[in-house]
């Protein structure tokens, strides 16, 4: 997903939370953001409210 790669380029981090992603793309739904993040990320650290999604390399 393009927004995930853009976020990674702008902020220079390889991880993102659901709340950060929703803010960045302007989403309100946690469930939609979760689905998009699961599709575009390599791994998830933890579970629940404090999950962090590991982004794939830009290459």
Foldseek 3Di string as FASTA:
>chain_A
DVQLLVVCVVVVDQKDFLVRSCVSVVHDDSVVSVVVLVVAADDWDDDDPPIMTGGDDPD
